[in-house]
């Protein structure tokens, strides 16, 4: 992989504001970014009613998350809840799910896990229910490399500290996981990287299912998929902004 090092960093430099270049997005608060992330991933299949949660750990140790009562496609910035590092609500009348215990533990035990996403997404949920890991069949499915653990000891409650501890141990240093008969989990250093990982996982699962239904195919060679996965370090250039703009065009009130 050494010969590919630096390529993504060079691409990402173009994301930074340049003199004379129009801004890709208006100024966004951290809460607005989390609300946008919920809306964006809802469109990608992370849309199981009011299930699922995204947490973003801030530089001061506090954590932003979506409230329990609202679906991901109706959230606005003012709905996002601030928690302390132990998961206590600081600034909202909304509730948060007890299942956030998994997120809180991940933030505490993995310094790299600034973002944690869990939901019962459509296509990754199929593979989780089959208790199988989908192969990589095309370029878009290859944007994230590395092991995709299948955690098959979950008994249904992520508000049980023993269950969450076992899940974190099974995850190890992985970027994501399939939770057998349950859903998917993604961790990342920031929202841009988390977005790419979440949509790549869902695309990979969708394509693999379609290929299997069509009679099977030949997965990408590992070396070729690793070439594509240079995007994972910093997220696909411009993609997060483009998907955020799509949501803002459809509903500017997200920023309220």
C-alpha atoms as a PDB file:
ATOM      1  CA  UNK A   1       0.000   0.000   0.000  1.00  0.00           C
ATOM      2  CA  UNK A   2       2.972   2.361   0.343  1.00  0.00           C
ATOM      3  CA  UNK A   3       2.819   3.425  -3.283  1.00  0.00           C
ATOM      4  CA  UNK A   4      -0.709   4.777  -2.669  1.00  0.00           C
ATOM      5  CA  UNK A   5       0.119   6.675   0.498  1.00  0.00           C
ATOM      6  CA  UNK A   6      -0.408  10.395   0.183  1.00  0.00           C
ATOM      7  CA  UNK A   7      -2.839  10.243  -2.724  1.00  0.00           C
ATOM      8  CA  UNK A   8      -5.954  10.711  -0.633  1.00  0.00           C
ATOM      9  CA  UNK A   9      -4.296  13.410   1.451  1.00  0.00           C
ATOM     10  CA  UNK A  10      -3.594  15.334  -1.753  1.00  0.00           C
ATOM     11  CA  UNK A  11      -7.205  14.986  -2.859  1.00  0.00           C
ATOM     12  CA  UNK A  12      -8.518  16.118   0.501  1.00  0.00           C
ATOM     13  CA  UNK A  13      -6.482  19.326   0.298  1.00  0.00           C
ATOM     14  CA  UNK A  14      -8.860  20.413  -2.427  1.00  0.00           C
ATOM     15  CA  UNK A  15     -11.731  20.312   0.071  1.00  0.00           C
ATOM     16  CA  UNK A  16     -10.211  23.131   2.083  1.00  0.00           C
ATOM     17  CA  UNK A  17     -11.511  26.605   1.188  1.00  0.00           C
ATOM     18  CA  UNK A  18      -9.550  28.169  -1.644  1.00  0.00           C
ATOM     19  CA  UNK A  19      -9.345  31.871  -2.557  1.00  0.00           C
ATOM     20  CA  UNK A  20     -12.137  32.708  -4.963  1.00  0.00           C
ATOM     21  CA  UNK A  21     -13.826  29.342  -4.619  1.00  0.00           C
ATOM     22  CA  UNK A  22     -17.477  29.242  -3.628  1.00  0.00           C
ATOM     23  CA  UNK A  23     -18.066  27.554  -0.264  1.00  0.00           C
ATOM     24  CA  UNK A  24     -19.384  24.001  -0.593  1.00  0.00           C
ATOM     25  CA  UNK A  25     -21.667  24.472   2.419  1.00  0.00           C
ATOM     26  CA  UNK A  26     -22.872  27.308   4.648  1.00  0.00           C
ATOM     27  CA  UNK A  27     -21.361  27.497   8.145  1.00  0.00           C
ATOM     28  CA  UNK A  28     -22.683  24.563  10.181  1.00  0.00           C
ATOM     29  CA  UNK A  29     -22.842  24.007  13.919  1.00  0.00           C
ATOM     30  CA  UNK A  30     -21.793  20.605  15.240  1.00  0.00           C
ATOM     31  CA  UNK A  31     -25.427  19.859  16.024  1.00  0.00           C
ATOM     32  CA  UNK A  32     -26.416  20.735  12.453  1.00  0.00           C
ATOM     33  CA  UNK A  33     -23.779  18.337  11.146  1.00  0.00           C
ATOM     34  CA  UNK A  34     -25.173  15.497  13.250  1.00  0.00           C
ATOM     35  CA  UNK A  35     -28.731  16.266  12.114  1.00  0.00           C
ATOM     36  CA  UNK A  36     -27.547  16.308   8.502  1.00  0.00           C
ATOM     37  CA  UNK A  37     -25.774  12.994   9.035  1.00  0.00           C
ATOM     38  CA  UNK A  38     -29.006  11.432  10.273  1.00  0.00           C
ATOM     39  CA  UNK A  39     -30.895  12.733   7.237  1.00  0.00           C
ATOM     40  CA  UNK A  40     -28.158  11.624   4.821  1.00  0.00           C
ATOM     41  CA  UNK A  41     -27.906   8.089   6.163  1.00  0.00           C
ATOM     42  CA  UNK A  42     -31.684   7.713   6.258  1.00  0.00           C
ATOM     43  CA  UNK A  43     -31.604   8.112   2.475  1.00  0.00           C
ATOM     44  CA  UNK A  44     -28.932   5.396   2.287  1.00  0.00           C
ATOM     45  CA  UNK A  45     -31.035   2.729   3.990  1.00  0.00           C
ATOM     46  CA  UNK A  46     -30.251   3.383   7.650  1.00  0.00           C
ATOM     47  CA  UNK A  47     -33.955   3.965   8.173  1.00  0.00           C
ATOM     48  CA  UNK A  48     -35.569   1.498  10.576  1.00  0.00           C
ATOM     49  CA  UNK A  49     -38.326   3.736  11.979  1.00  0.00           C
ATOM     50  CA  UNK A  50     -37.067   5.435  15.175  1.00  0.00           C
ATOM     51  CA  UNK A  51     -34.303   2.886  15.725  1.00  0.00           C
ATOM     52  CA  UNK A  52     -30.632   3.752  15.569  1.00  0.00           C
ATOM     53  CA  UNK A  53     -28.296   6.317  17.017  1.00  0.00           C
ATOM     54  CA  UNK A  54     -25.335   8.434  15.972  1.00  0.00           C
ATOM     55  CA  UNK A  55     -22.933   9.842  18.538  1.00  0.00           C
ATOM     56  CA  UNK A  56     -20.259  12.470  17.949  1.00  0.00           C
ATOM     57  CA  UNK A  57     -17.651  13.060  20.679  1.00  0.00           C
ATOM     58  CA  UNK A  58     -16.654  16.716  20.878  1.00  0.00           C
ATOM     59  CA  UNK A  59     -13.216  18.053  21.783  1.00  0.00           C
ATOM     60  CA  UNK A  60     -14.414  18.867  25.322  1.00  0.00           C
ATOM     61  CA  UNK A  61     -15.491  15.271  25.916  1.00  0.00           C
ATOM     62  CA  UNK A  62     -19.216  15.904  25.591  1.00  0.00           C
ATOM     63  CA  UNK A  63     -21.204  13.805  23.148  1.00  0.00           C
ATOM     64  CA  UNK A  64     -23.901  14.799  20.647  1.00  0.00           C
ATOM     65  CA  UNK A  65     -26.619  12.334  19.699  1.00  0.00           C
ATOM     66  CA  UNK A  66     -30.073  12.061  18.183  1.00  0.00           C
ATOM     67  CA  UNK A  67     -33.064  11.778  20.554  1.00  0.00           C
ATOM     68  CA  UNK A  68     -34.983   8.552  20.979  1.00  0.00           C
ATOM     69  CA  UNK A  69     -38.396   9.973  20.098  1.00  0.00           C
ATOM     70  CA  UNK A  70     -37.622  11.220  16.566  1.00  0.00           C
ATOM     71  CA  UNK A  71     -36.949   9.413  13.296  1.00  0.00           C
ATOM     72  CA  UNK A  72     -33.743  10.251  11.462  1.00  0.00           C
ATOM     73  CA  UNK A  73     -35.561  11.920   8.564  1.00  0.00           C
ATOM     74  CA  UNK A  74     -37.294  14.559  10.741  1.00  0.00           C
ATOM     75  CA  UNK A  75     -34.407  15.755  12.918  1.00  0.00           C
ATOM     76  CA  UNK A  76     -33.219  19.345  12.994  1.00  0.00           C
ATOM     77  CA  UNK A  77     -30.151  20.818  14.663  1.00  0.00           C
ATOM     78  CA  UNK A  78     -32.107  21.951  17.720  1.00  0.00           C
ATOM     79  CA  UNK A  79     -33.275  18.383  18.360  1.00  0.00           C
ATOM     80  CA  UNK A  80     -29.745  17.045  18.824  1.00  0.00           C
ATOM     81  CA  UNK A  81     -28.993  16.202  22.453  1.00  0.00           C
ATOM     82  CA  UNK A  82     -25.757  16.962  24.338  1.00  0.00           C
ATOM     83  CA  UNK A  83     -24.523  14.335  26.802  1.00  0.00           C
ATOM     84  CA  UNK A  84     -21.607  14.350  29.184  1.00  0.00           C
ATOM     85  CA  UNK A  85     -18.925  11.682  28.843  1.00  0.00           C
ATOM     86  CA  UNK A  86     -20.946   9.303  31.042  1.00  0.00           C
ATOM     87  CA  UNK A  87     -24.099   9.674  28.959  1.00  0.00           C
ATOM     88  CA  UNK A  88     -26.069  12.094  31.130  1.00  0.00           C
ATOM     89  CA  UNK A  89     -28.278  14.588  29.259  1.00  0.00           C
ATOM     90  CA  UNK A  90     -27.086  18.189  29.601  1.00  0.00           C
ATOM     91  CA  UNK A  91     -29.368  20.351  27.501  1.00  0.00           C
ATOM     92  CA  UNK A  92     -32.563  18.715  26.268  1.00  0.00           C
ATOM     93  CA  UNK A  93     -36.055  17.559  27.223  1.00  0.00           C
ATOM     94  CA  UNK A  94     -35.768  14.706  24.735  1.00  0.00           C
ATOM     95  CA  UNK A  95     -34.827  11.209  25.870  1.00  0.00           C
ATOM     96  CA  UNK A  96     -31.989   9.030  24.604  1.00  0.00           C
ATOM     97  CA  UNK A  97     -32.147   5.271  24.206  1.00  0.00           C
ATOM     98  CA  UNK A  98     -30.590   3.072  26.935  1.00  0.00           C
ATOM     99  CA  UNK A  99     -28.777   1.299  24.095  1.00  0.00           C
ATOM    100  CA  UNK A 100     -26.379   4.259  23.956  1.00  0.00           C
ATOM    101  CA  UNK A 101     -24.329   2.376  26.543  1.00  0.00           C
ATOM    102  CA  UNK A 102     -22.478   0.705  23.692  1.00  0.00           C
ATOM    103  CA  UNK A 103     -21.584   4.099  22.221  1.00  0.00           C
ATOM    104  CA  UNK A 104     -20.485   5.537  25.562  1.00  0.00           C
ATOM    105  CA  UNK A 105     -18.204   2.559  26.191  1.00  0.00           C
ATOM    106  CA  UNK A 106     -16.748   2.741  22.696  1.00  0.00           C
ATOM    107  CA  UNK A 107     -15.984   6.445  23.096  1.00  0.00           C
ATOM    108  CA  UNK A 108     -14.320   5.702  26.435  1.00  0.00           C
ATOM    109  CA  UNK A 109     -12.267   2.713  25.297  1.00  0.00           C
ATOM    110  CA  UNK A 110     -11.271   3.730  21.765  1.00  0.00           C
ATOM    111  CA  UNK A 111      -9.595   7.146  21.380  1.00  0.00           C
ATOM    112  CA  UNK A 112     -10.088   6.899  17.603  1.00  0.00           C
ATOM    113  CA  UNK A 113     -13.866   6.454  17.911  1.00  0.00           C
ATOM    114  CA  UNK A 114     -15.089  10.045  17.748  1.00  0.00           C
ATOM    115  CA  UNK A 115     -18.177   8.902  15.819  1.00  0.00           C
ATOM    116  CA  UNK A 116     -20.244   5.771  16.461  1.00  0.00           C
ATOM    117  CA  UNK A 117     -23.244   4.769  14.332  1.00  0.00           C
ATOM    118  CA  UNK A 118     -25.690   1.937  14.905  1.00  0.00           C
ATOM    119  CA  UNK A 119     -28.915   1.070  13.143  1.00  0.00           C
ATOM    120  CA  UNK A 120     -30.808  -1.781  11.523  1.00  0.00           C
ATOM    121  CA  UNK A 121     -29.969  -0.839   7.954  1.00  0.00           C
ATOM    122  CA  UNK A 122     -31.683  -2.682   5.104  1.00  0.00           C
ATOM    123  CA  UNK A 123     -28.982  -4.495   3.128  1.00  0.00           C
ATOM    124  CA  UNK A 124     -26.401  -4.925   5.872  1.00  0.00           C
ATOM    125  CA  UNK A 125     -29.254  -6.225   8.007  1.00  0.00           C
ATOM    126  CA  UNK A 126     -29.848  -9.016   5.508  1.00  0.00           C
ATOM    127  CA  UNK A 127     -26.245 -10.217   5.780  1.00  0.00           C
ATOM    128  CA  UNK A 128     -26.328  -9.828   9.562  1.00  0.00           C
ATOM    129  CA  UNK A 129     -29.432 -12.022   9.639  1.00  0.00           C
ATOM    130  CA  UNK A 130     -27.766 -14.597   7.370  1.00  0.00           C
ATOM    131  CA  UNK A 131     -24.720 -14.387   9.658  1.00  0.00           C
ATOM    132  CA  UNK A 132     -22.452 -14.035   6.643  1.00  0.00           C
ATOM    133  CA  UNK A 133     -19.908 -11.406   5.562  1.00  0.00           C
ATOM    134  CA  UNK A 134     -20.537 -10.056   2.036  1.00  0.00           C
ATOM    135  CA  UNK A 135     -17.686 -10.155  -0.509  1.00  0.00           C
ATOM    136  CA  UNK A 136     -16.520  -6.995  -2.311  1.00  0.00           C
ATOM    137  CA  UNK A 137     -17.710  -7.083  -5.897  1.00  0.00           C
ATOM    138  CA  UNK A 138     -17.158  -3.567  -7.229  1.00  0.00           C
ATOM    139  CA  UNK A 139     -15.241  -0.330  -6.758  1.00  0.00           C
ATOM    140  CA  UNK A 140     -17.866   1.449  -4.669  1.00  0.00           C
ATOM    141  CA  UNK A 141     -17.964  -1.480  -2.248  1.00  0.00           C
ATOM    142  CA  UNK A 142     -14.185  -1.230  -1.892  1.00  0.00           C
ATOM    143  CA  UNK A 143     -13.905   2.306  -0.535  1.00  0.00           C
ATOM    144  CA  UNK A 144     -13.284   0.893   2.942  1.00  0.00           C
ATOM    145  CA  UNK A 145     -10.879  -1.978   3.526  1.00  0.00           C
ATOM    146  CA  UNK A 146     -10.139  -4.159   6.522  1.00  0.00           C
ATOM    147  CA  UNK A 147     -11.929  -6.884   8.405  1.00  0.00           C
ATOM    148  CA  UNK A 148     -15.708  -6.808   8.736  1.00  0.00           C
ATOM    149  CA  UNK A 149     -16.325  -8.736  11.966  1.00  0.00           C
ATOM    150  CA  UNK A 150     -19.556 -10.652  12.463  1.00  0.00           C
ATOM    151  CA  UNK A 151     -20.484 -10.559  16.126  1.00  0.00           C
ATOM    152  CA  UNK A 152     -22.804 -13.502  16.772  1.00  0.00           C
ATOM    153  CA  UNK A 153     -23.144 -13.563  20.541  1.00  0.00           C
ATOM    154  CA  UNK A 154     -25.548 -10.633  20.909  1.00  0.00           C
ATOM    155  CA  UNK A 155     -28.772 -11.546  22.712  1.00  0.00           C
ATOM    156  CA  UNK A 156     -30.810  -8.454  21.944  1.00  0.00           C
ATOM    157  CA  UNK A 157     -30.150  -5.765  24.581  1.00  0.00           C
ATOM    158  CA  UNK A 158     -27.399  -3.162  24.285  1.00  0.00           C
ATOM    159  CA  UNK A 159     -28.387  -1.617  27.594  1.00  0.00           C
ATOM    160  CA  UNK A 160     -26.732  -4.605  29.314  1.00  0.00           C
ATOM    161  CA  UNK A 161     -23.173  -3.637  30.241  1.00  0.00           C
ATOM    162  CA  UNK A 162     -21.968  -7.228  29.883  1.00  0.00           C
ATOM    163  CA  UNK A 163     -23.382  -7.452  26.361  1.00  0.00           C
ATOM    164  CA  UNK A 164     -21.840  -4.144  25.314  1.00  0.00           C
ATOM    165  CA  UNK A 165     -18.457  -5.066  26.810  1.00  0.00           C
ATOM    166  CA  UNK A 166     -18.464  -8.341  24.881  1.00  0.00           C
ATOM    167  CA  UNK A 167     -19.428  -6.532  21.677  1.00  0.00           C
ATOM    168  CA  UNK A 168     -16.590  -4.022  22.071  1.00  0.00           C
ATOM    169  CA  UNK A 169     -14.109  -6.831  22.683  1.00  0.00           C
ATOM    170  CA  UNK A 170     -15.333  -8.611  19.552  1.00  0.00           C
ATOM    171  CA  UNK A 171     -15.050  -5.403  17.521  1.00  0.00           C
ATOM    172  CA  UNK A 172     -11.431  -4.865  18.583  1.00  0.00           C
ATOM    173  CA  UNK A 173      -9.858  -2.190  16.383  1.00  0.00           C
ATOM    174  CA  UNK A 174     -12.203  -2.804  13.453  1.00  0.00           C
ATOM    175  CA  UNK A 175     -13.895   0.045  11.608  1.00  0.00           C
ATOM    176  CA  UNK A 176     -17.301  -1.603  11.521  1.00  0.00           C
ATOM    177  CA  UNK A 177     -19.190  -4.798  12.301  1.00  0.00           C
ATOM    178  CA  UNK A 178     -22.265  -6.792  11.446  1.00  0.00           C
ATOM    179  CA  UNK A 179     -24.353  -7.682  14.497  1.00  0.00           C
ATOM    180  CA  UNK A 180     -25.954 -11.086  13.946  1.00  0.00           C
ATOM    181  CA  UNK A 181     -29.762 -10.979  13.696  1.00  0.00           C
ATOM    182  CA  UNK A 182     -29.645  -7.311  14.578  1.00  0.00           C
ATOM    183  CA  UNK A 183     -27.936  -4.663  12.442  1.00  0.00           C
ATOM    184  CA  UNK A 184     -24.685  -2.842  11.781  1.00  0.00           C
ATOM    185  CA  UNK A 185     -22.152  -0.755  13.699  1.00  0.00           C
ATOM    186  CA  UNK A 186     -19.688   1.805  12.316  1.00  0.00           C
ATOM    187  CA  UNK A 187     -16.953   3.761  14.124  1.00  0.00           C
ATOM    188  CA  UNK A 188     -14.821   6.571  12.706  1.00  0.00           C
ATOM    189  CA  UNK A 189     -12.581   9.534  13.506  1.00  0.00           C
ATOM    190  CA  UNK A 190     -15.053  12.127  12.161  1.00  0.00           C
ATOM    191  CA  UNK A 191     -18.388  12.486  10.392  1.00  0.00           C
ATOM    192  CA  UNK A 192     -16.880  12.497   6.906  1.00  0.00           C
ATOM    193  CA  UNK A 193     -15.140   9.174   7.459  1.00  0.00           C
ATOM    194  CA  UNK A 194     -18.173   7.735   9.244  1.00  0.00           C
ATOM    195  CA  UNK A 195     -20.415   8.698   6.337  1.00  0.00           C
ATOM    196  CA  UNK A 196     -18.197   6.935   3.808  1.00  0.00           C
ATOM    197  CA  UNK A 197     -17.975   3.834   5.968  1.00  0.00           C
ATOM    198  CA  UNK A 198     -21.731   3.659   6.544  1.00  0.00           C
ATOM    199  CA  UNK A 199     -22.695   4.085   2.891  1.00  0.00           C
ATOM    200  CA  UNK A 200     -19.900   1.780   1.702  1.00  0.00           C
ATOM    201  CA  UNK A 201     -21.079  -0.972   4.036  1.00  0.00           C
ATOM    202  CA  UNK A 202     -24.648  -0.672   2.796  1.00  0.00           C
ATOM    203  CA  UNK A 203     -23.590  -0.563  -0.871  1.00  0.00           C
ATOM    204  CA  UNK A 204     -21.278  -3.568  -0.404  1.00  0.00           C
ATOM    205  CA  UNK A 205     -24.102  -5.556   1.177  1.00  0.00           C
ATOM    206  CA  UNK A 206     -26.604  -4.539  -1.501  1.00  0.00           C
ATOM    207  CA  UNK A 207     -24.326  -5.385  -4.419  1.00  0.00           C
ATOM    208  CA  UNK A 208     -23.265  -8.702  -2.890  1.00  0.00           C
ATOM    209  CA  UNK A 209     -26.890  -9.706  -2.351  1.00  0.00           C
ATOM    210  CA  UNK A 210     -27.804  -8.738  -5.914  1.00  0.00           C
ATOM    211  CA  UNK A 211     -24.847 -10.675  -7.324  1.00  0.00           C
ATOM    212  CA  UNK A 212     -25.775 -13.721  -5.272  1.00  0.00           C
ATOM    213  CA  UNK A 213     -29.406 -13.590  -6.367  1.00  0.00           C
ATOM    214  CA  UNK A 214     -28.246 -13.283  -9.987  1.00  0.00           C
ATOM    215  CA  UNK A 215     -26.281 -16.508  -9.675  1.00  0.00           C
ATOM    216  CA  UNK A 216     -22.949 -15.426  -8.256  1.00  0.00           C
ATOM    217  CA  UNK A 217     -19.866 -13.577  -9.437  1.00  0.00           C
ATOM    218  CA  UNK A 218     -16.160 -13.078  -8.869  1.00  0.00           C
ATOM    219  CA  UNK A 219     -15.146 -10.793  -5.974  1.00  0.00           C
ATOM    220  CA  UNK A 220     -12.543  -8.093  -6.588  1.00  0.00           C
ATOM    221  CA  UNK A 221      -8.953  -9.176  -5.957  1.00  0.00           C
ATOM    222  CA  UNK A 222      -7.705  -7.963  -2.579  1.00  0.00           C
ATOM    223  CA  UNK A 223      -4.937  -5.824  -4.109  1.00  0.00           C
ATOM    224  CA  UNK A 224      -7.391  -4.010  -6.374  1.00  0.00           C
ATOM    225  CA  UNK A 225      -9.832  -3.320  -3.559  1.00  0.00           C
ATOM    226  CA  UNK A 226      -6.986  -1.950  -1.434  1.00  0.00           C
ATOM    227  CA  UNK A 227      -6.118   0.538  -4.172  1.00  0.00           C
ATOM    228  CA  UNK A 228      -9.635   1.948  -3.996  1.00  0.00           C
ATOM    229  CA  UNK A 229      -9.695   2.021  -0.198  1.00  0.00           C
ATOM    230  CA  UNK A 230      -7.207   4.911   0.011  1.00  0.00           C
ATOM    231  CA  UNK A 231     -10.334   7.083   0.306  1.00  0.00           C
ATOM    232  CA  UNK A 232     -11.119   5.714   3.766  1.00  0.00           C
ATOM    233  CA  UNK A 233      -8.479   7.696   5.670  1.00  0.00           C
ATOM    234  CA  UNK A 234     -10.239  11.017   5.074  1.00  0.00           C
ATOM    235  CA  UNK A 235     -13.541  10.195   3.429  1.00  0.00           C
ATOM    236  CA  UNK A 236     -14.353  10.519  -0.254  1.00  0.00           C
ATOM    237  CA  UNK A 237     -13.510  14.096  -1.372  1.00  0.00           C
ATOM    238  CA  UNK A 238     -16.589  16.328  -1.732  1.00  0.00           C
ATOM    239  CA  UNK A 239     -19.068  13.484  -1.114  1.00  0.00           C
ATOM    240  CA  UNK A 240     -20.179  14.484   2.391  1.00  0.00           C
ATOM    241  CA  UNK A 241     -20.779  18.053   1.246  1.00  0.00           C
ATOM    242  CA  UNK A 242     -22.721  16.981  -1.840  1.00  0.00           C
ATOM    243  CA  UNK A 243     -25.051  14.761   0.169  1.00  0.00           C
ATOM    244  CA  UNK A 244     -25.469  17.482   2.798  1.00  0.00           C
ATOM    245  CA  UNK A 245     -26.443  19.981   0.095  1.00  0.00           C
ATOM    246  CA  UNK A 246     -29.033  17.541  -1.201  1.00  0.00           C
ATOM    247  CA  UNK A 247     -30.668  17.435   2.220  1.00  0.00           C
ATOM    248  CA  UNK A 248     -30.515  21.212   2.637  1.00  0.00           C
ATOM    249  CA  UNK A 249     -32.162  21.757  -0.739  1.00  0.00           C
ATOM    250  CA  UNK A 250     -34.978  19.416   0.251  1.00  0.00           C
ATOM    251  CA  UNK A 251     -35.419  20.908   3.732  1.00  0.00           C
ATOM    252  CA  UNK A 252     -33.482  24.026   4.794  1.00  0.00           C
ATOM    253  CA  UNK A 253     -35.110  23.806   8.234  1.00  0.00           C
ATOM    254  CA  UNK A 254     -32.564  21.118   9.186  1.00  0.00           C
ATOM    255  CA  UNK A 255     -30.359  23.966  10.391  1.00  0.00           C
ATOM    256  CA  UNK A 256     -33.032  25.320  12.760  1.00  0.00           C
END
